[in-house]
């Protein structure tokens, strides 16, 4: 059975503009197959912080779960998404 891409009217590349720098970093890590604990260690934050960020990203991308979020990230080739500039330098 072939999976349909999850990029729809509600999860089109425009919705990525709502993502901030940390969101894109977490999305890239998830698409690469990293665990919550690994992402937390790399970003020097708690696992709870990463879980909260994942839930917020799911809301911004209009997806129901982590697997769907990773499929959207892969459909959009998240590795090619330019890193948003953070507000603080």
Protein backbone atom coordinates (compact mmCIF):
# COMPACT_ATOMS: atom_id res chain seq x y z
CA UNK A 1 0.00 0.00 0.00
CA UNK A 2 1.43 3.35 -1.03
CA UNK A 3 1.31 6.20 1.46
CA UNK A 4 -0.05 9.46 0.18
CA UNK A 5 2.02 12.54 0.92
CA UNK A 6 0.72 14.48 3.90
CA UNK A 7 1.39 17.85 2.32
CA UNK A 8 -2.12 19.18 1.89
CA UNK A 9 -3.71 22.60 1.89
CA UNK A 10 -3.28 22.78 5.67
CA UNK A 11 0.28 21.42 5.74
CA UNK A 12 1.82 23.15 2.77
CA UNK A 13 5.25 24.80 2.88
CA UNK A 14 3.60 28.08 3.99
CA UNK A 15 2.87 26.48 7.35
CA UNK A 16 6.61 26.09 7.85
CA UNK A 17 6.92 29.86 8.14
CA UNK A 18 5.31 29.52 11.59
CA UNK A 19 8.28 27.43 12.75
CA UNK A 20 11.09 29.12 14.64
CA UNK A 21 14.75 28.11 14.67
CA UNK A 22 14.41 25.55 17.48
CA UNK A 23 11.32 24.05 15.84
CA UNK A 24 13.25 23.46 12.61
CA UNK A 25 16.16 21.94 14.55
CA UNK A 26 13.83 19.54 16.38
CA UNK A 27 12.02 18.67 13.15
CA UNK A 28 15.32 17.89 11.43
CA UNK A 29 16.41 15.71 14.34
CA UNK A 30 13.11 13.82 14.33
CA UNK A 31 13.27 13.30 10.56
CA UNK A 32 16.78 11.90 11.03
CA UNK A 33 15.39 9.35 13.50
CA UNK A 34 16.70 10.82 16.76
CA UNK A 35 14.91 10.05 20.00
CA UNK A 36 13.49 12.64 22.37
CA UNK A 37 16.31 11.92 24.82
CA UNK A 38 18.96 12.40 22.13
CA UNK A 39 17.44 15.69 20.96
CA UNK A 40 17.31 16.88 24.58
CA UNK A 41 20.98 16.01 25.11
CA UNK A 42 22.09 17.75 21.91
CA UNK A 43 20.11 20.90 22.70
CA UNK A 44 20.96 20.86 26.42
CA UNK A 45 17.33 20.91 27.50
CA UNK A 46 15.10 18.45 29.34
CA UNK A 47 13.13 15.71 27.62
CA UNK A 48 9.94 17.43 28.78
CA UNK A 49 10.98 20.59 26.93
CA UNK A 50 11.50 18.58 23.74
CA UNK A 51 8.12 16.85 24.15
CA UNK A 52 6.42 20.22 24.58
CA UNK A 53 8.15 21.59 21.49
CA UNK A 54 7.08 18.50 19.51
CA UNK A 55 3.43 19.03 20.52
CA UNK A 56 3.63 22.68 19.46
CA UNK A 57 5.21 21.77 16.12
CA UNK A 58 2.40 19.25 15.56
CA UNK A 59 -0.08 22.06 16.09
CA UNK A 60 1.74 24.39 13.72
CA UNK A 61 1.89 21.71 11.02
CA UNK A 62 -1.71 20.56 11.66
CA UNK A 63 -0.79 16.91 12.20
CA UNK A 64 -2.10 14.52 14.83
CA UNK A 65 0.99 12.61 15.86
CA UNK A 66 4.76 12.33 15.73
CA UNK A 67 4.81 9.89 12.82
CA UNK A 68 2.69 12.20 10.70
CA UNK A 69 4.97 15.11 11.60
CA UNK A 70 8.03 13.15 10.47
CA UNK A 71 6.30 12.19 7.20
CA UNK A 72 5.46 15.85 6.54
CA UNK A 73 9.07 16.80 7.30
CA UNK A 74 10.31 14.20 4.84
CA UNK A 75 7.71 15.17 2.20
CA UNK A 76 8.90 18.77 2.47
CA UNK A 77 12.56 17.65 2.57
CA UNK A 78 13.19 19.46 5.85
CA UNK A 79 16.94 19.24 5.33
CA UNK A 80 16.62 21.81 2.56
CA UNK A 81 14.58 24.27 4.60
CA UNK A 82 16.75 27.29 5.32
CA UNK A 83 17.35 27.84 8.99
CA UNK A 84 15.25 30.72 10.24
CA UNK A 85 17.25 33.56 11.68
CA UNK A 86 16.78 33.79 15.40
CA UNK A 87 15.74 37.10 16.89
CA UNK A 88 18.65 37.10 19.33
CA UNK A 89 22.20 37.27 18.09
